[in-house]
Amino acid sequence: MYRIKNMDVKITILQVEVANLRPNPWNTNSVGAQNFEKLKGSIEKLGFFKPILARELDGGIFEILGGEHRWRAAMEQGISTVPVISVGKINDLVAKQMFLVDNERYGEDDQVALQRLIEEIQSEIDYRLPETAAGASPSHVS
């Protein structure tokens, strides 16, 4: 367990039913059909080895912070449970920051939506852009 912004963050690894996962409403990343098919093929060949990053909501529901495309691929392939790294119950601001830093580039960002997300994070905290997007690829912050 560690603390971020006066919150205890407890990391746990769980097997979660895909029906209990929800996409977050601020995901700026999309993936084309060809790359989505490649992702499904990878899961079919190698299994679902990379856990989804999620925060816990009420009622046993988890909100995806990283891995929405893998979750969608798992559902299409009839996989009933997936590994999840849960960061517990964290607030929206920390969840958005984790999403931004964790979100790997399997698809392409909607640049307008991404800019809005970064501005929203910056308006809530006193961070400069390089600190807000620490760990994000250069294409995230250009």
Protein backbone atom coordinates (compact mmCIF):
# COMPACT_ATOMS: atom_id res chain seq x y z
CA MET A 1 0.00 0.00 0.00
CA TYR A 2 1.17 3.53 -0.71
CA ARG A 3 -0.31 7.01 -0.56
CA ILE A 4 -1.12 9.39 -3.40
CA LYS A 5 -2.75 12.74 -2.73
CA ASN A 6 -3.90 11.68 0.77
CA MET A 7 -5.40 8.43 -0.53
CA ASP A 8 -4.28 4.92 0.29
CA VAL A 9 -3.65 2.96 -2.89
CA LYS A 10 -3.66 -0.79 -2.45
CA ILE A 11 -2.58 -2.78 -5.50
CA THR A 12 -4.21 -6.18 -5.89
CA ILE A 13 -4.21 -8.64 -8.76
CA LEU A 14 -7.58 -10.27 -9.35
CA GLN A 15 -9.47 -12.39 -11.85
CA VAL A 16 -12.55 -10.34 -12.75
CA GLU A 17 -15.54 -11.29 -14.86
CA VAL A 18 -15.58 -9.21 -18.05
CA ALA A 19 -19.20 -8.25 -17.24
CA ASN A 20 -17.95 -6.46 -14.11
CA LEU A 21 -15.59 -4.17 -16.04
CA ARG A 22 -16.60 -0.80 -17.48
CA PRO A 23 -14.69 1.52 -19.83
CA ASN A 24 -13.86 4.93 -18.41
CA PRO A 25 -15.68 7.89 -19.98
CA TRP A 26 -12.52 9.84 -20.83
CA ASN A 27 -10.65 7.30 -22.97
CA THR A 28 -9.07 9.24 -25.83
CA ASN A 29 -7.60 6.18 -27.55
CA SER A 30 -9.13 4.29 -30.45
CA VAL A 31 -7.84 1.37 -32.47
CA GLY A 32 -8.49 0.57 -36.10
CA ALA A 33 -10.11 -2.68 -37.22
CA GLN A 34 -6.84 -4.15 -38.53
CA ASN A 35 -4.96 -3.53 -35.27
CA PHE A 36 -7.91 -4.81 -33.26
CA GLU A 37 -7.80 -8.07 -35.23
CA LYS A 38 -4.05 -8.30 -34.53
CA LEU A 39 -4.75 -7.81 -30.83
CA LYS A 40 -7.36 -10.58 -30.87
CA GLY A 41 -4.90 -12.86 -32.69
CA SER A 42 -2.24 -12.15 -30.09
CA ILE A 43 -4.62 -13.02 -27.27
CA GLU A 44 -5.64 -16.20 -29.10
CA LYS A 45 -2.00 -17.28 -29.58
CA LEU A 46 -0.45 -16.16 -26.30
CA GLY A 47 -3.39 -15.87 -23.94
CA PHE A 48 -4.48 -12.89 -21.90
CA PHE A 49 -1.16 -12.34 -20.14
CA LYS A 50 -1.18 -8.57 -19.63
CA PRO A 51 -3.61 -7.54 -16.87
CA ILE A 52 -6.08 -4.72 -17.26
CA LEU A 53 -5.49 -1.72 -14.99
CA ALA A 54 -8.69 -0.71 -13.19
CA ARG A 55 -10.05 1.12 -10.20
CA GLU A 56 -12.74 -0.27 -7.97
CA LEU A 57 -16.21 1.26 -8.05
CA ASP A 58 -19.18 0.31 -5.88
CA GLY A 59 -20.97 -3.00 -6.25
CA GLY A 60 -18.02 -5.06 -7.43
CA ILE A 61 -17.64 -3.04 -10.64
CA PHE A 62 -14.22 -2.00 -11.95
CA GLU A 63 -13.51 0.95 -14.24
CA ILE A 64 -10.80 0.34 -16.82
CA LEU A 65 -7.84 2.73 -16.71
CA GLY A 66 -5.67 0.74 -19.10
CA GLY A 67 -6.57 -2.14 -21.40
CA GLU A 68 -10.00 -1.30 -22.79
CA HIS A 69 -9.13 -2.73 -26.22
CA ARG A 70 -7.92 -5.98 -24.62
CA TRP A 71 -11.15 -6.14 -22.60
CA ARG A 72 -13.25 -5.68 -25.76
CA ALA A 73 -11.18 -8.34 -27.55
CA ALA A 74 -11.66 -10.74 -24.63
CA MET A 75 -15.43 -10.22 -24.75
CA GLU A 76 -15.51 -10.86 -28.51
CA GLN A 77 -13.54 -14.07 -27.99
CA GLY A 78 -15.87 -15.31 -25.28
CA ILE A 79 -13.32 -15.04 -22.47
CA SER A 80 -15.31 -14.82 -19.22
CA THR A 81 -12.65 -13.61 -16.77
CA VAL A 82 -9.49 -11.54 -17.22
CA PRO A 83 -6.59 -10.61 -14.95
CA VAL A 84 -6.96 -7.14 -13.44
CA ILE A 85 -4.53 -4.99 -11.50
CA SER A 86 -6.81 -3.07 -9.16
CA VAL A 87 -5.62 0.22 -7.68
CA GLY A 88 -8.59 0.22 -5.32
CA LYS A 89 -10.94 3.13 -4.81
CA ILE A 90 -9.21 6.25 -6.11
CA ASN A 91 -10.66 9.61 -7.09
CA ASP A 92 -11.26 10.75 -10.67
CA LEU A 93 -8.20 12.99 -10.82
CA VAL A 94 -5.75 10.25 -9.87
CA ALA A 95 -7.59 7.78 -12.12
CA LYS A 96 -7.24 10.15 -15.10
CA GLN A 97 -3.55 10.62 -14.43
CA MET A 98 -2.98 6.86 -14.18
CA PHE A 99 -4.91 6.37 -17.41
CA LEU A 100 -2.84 8.98 -19.22
CA VAL A 101 0.49 7.56 -18.08
CA ASP A 102 -0.45 3.88 -18.49
CA ASN A 103 -2.29 4.05 -21.78
CA GLU A 104 -0.03 2.36 -24.30
CA ARG A 105 -0.21 3.25 -27.93
CA TYR A 106 -2.08 0.41 -29.58
CA GLY A 107 -4.35 2.84 -31.37
CA GLU A 108 -4.45 6.55 -31.99
CA ASP A 109 -5.62 9.33 -29.72
CA ASP A 110 -8.36 11.73 -30.58
CA GLN A 111 -6.09 14.76 -30.22
CA VAL A 112 -8.90 17.17 -29.24
CA ALA A 113 -10.19 14.81 -26.53
CA LEU A 114 -6.65 14.17 -25.30
CA GLN A 115 -5.93 17.90 -25.06
CA ARG A 116 -9.19 18.41 -23.11
CA LEU A 117 -8.20 15.63 -20.70
CA ILE A 118 -4.75 17.12 -20.09
CA GLU A 119 -6.25 20.59 -19.57
CA GLU A 120 -8.81 19.16 -17.14
CA ILE A 121 -6.07 17.50 -15.10
CA GLN A 122 -4.00 20.68 -15.15
CA SER A 123 -6.95 22.79 -14.01
CA GLU A 124 -7.44 20.59 -10.94
CA ILE A 125 -3.82 20.49 -9.87
CA ASP A 126 -0.85 22.77 -10.10
CA TYR A 127 1.15 20.69 -12.58
CA ARG A 128 2.90 21.77 -15.71
CA LEU A 129 2.30 19.67 -18.83
CA PRO A 130 5.55 17.65 -18.61
CA GLU A 131 4.67 16.61 -15.05
CA THR A 132 1.06 15.78 -15.94
CA ALA A 133 2.09 13.58 -18.83
CA ALA A 134 5.18 12.06 -17.21
CA GLY A 135 5.65 8.66 -18.72
CA ALA A 136 3.45 9.42 -21.72
CA SER A 137 5.02 9.06 -25.12
CA PRO A 138 6.09 12.25 -26.92
CA SER A 139 3.09 11.99 -29.24
CA HIS A 140 0.83 12.41 -26.19
CA VAL A 141 2.15 15.81 -25.33
CA SER A 142 2.88 17.41 -28.69
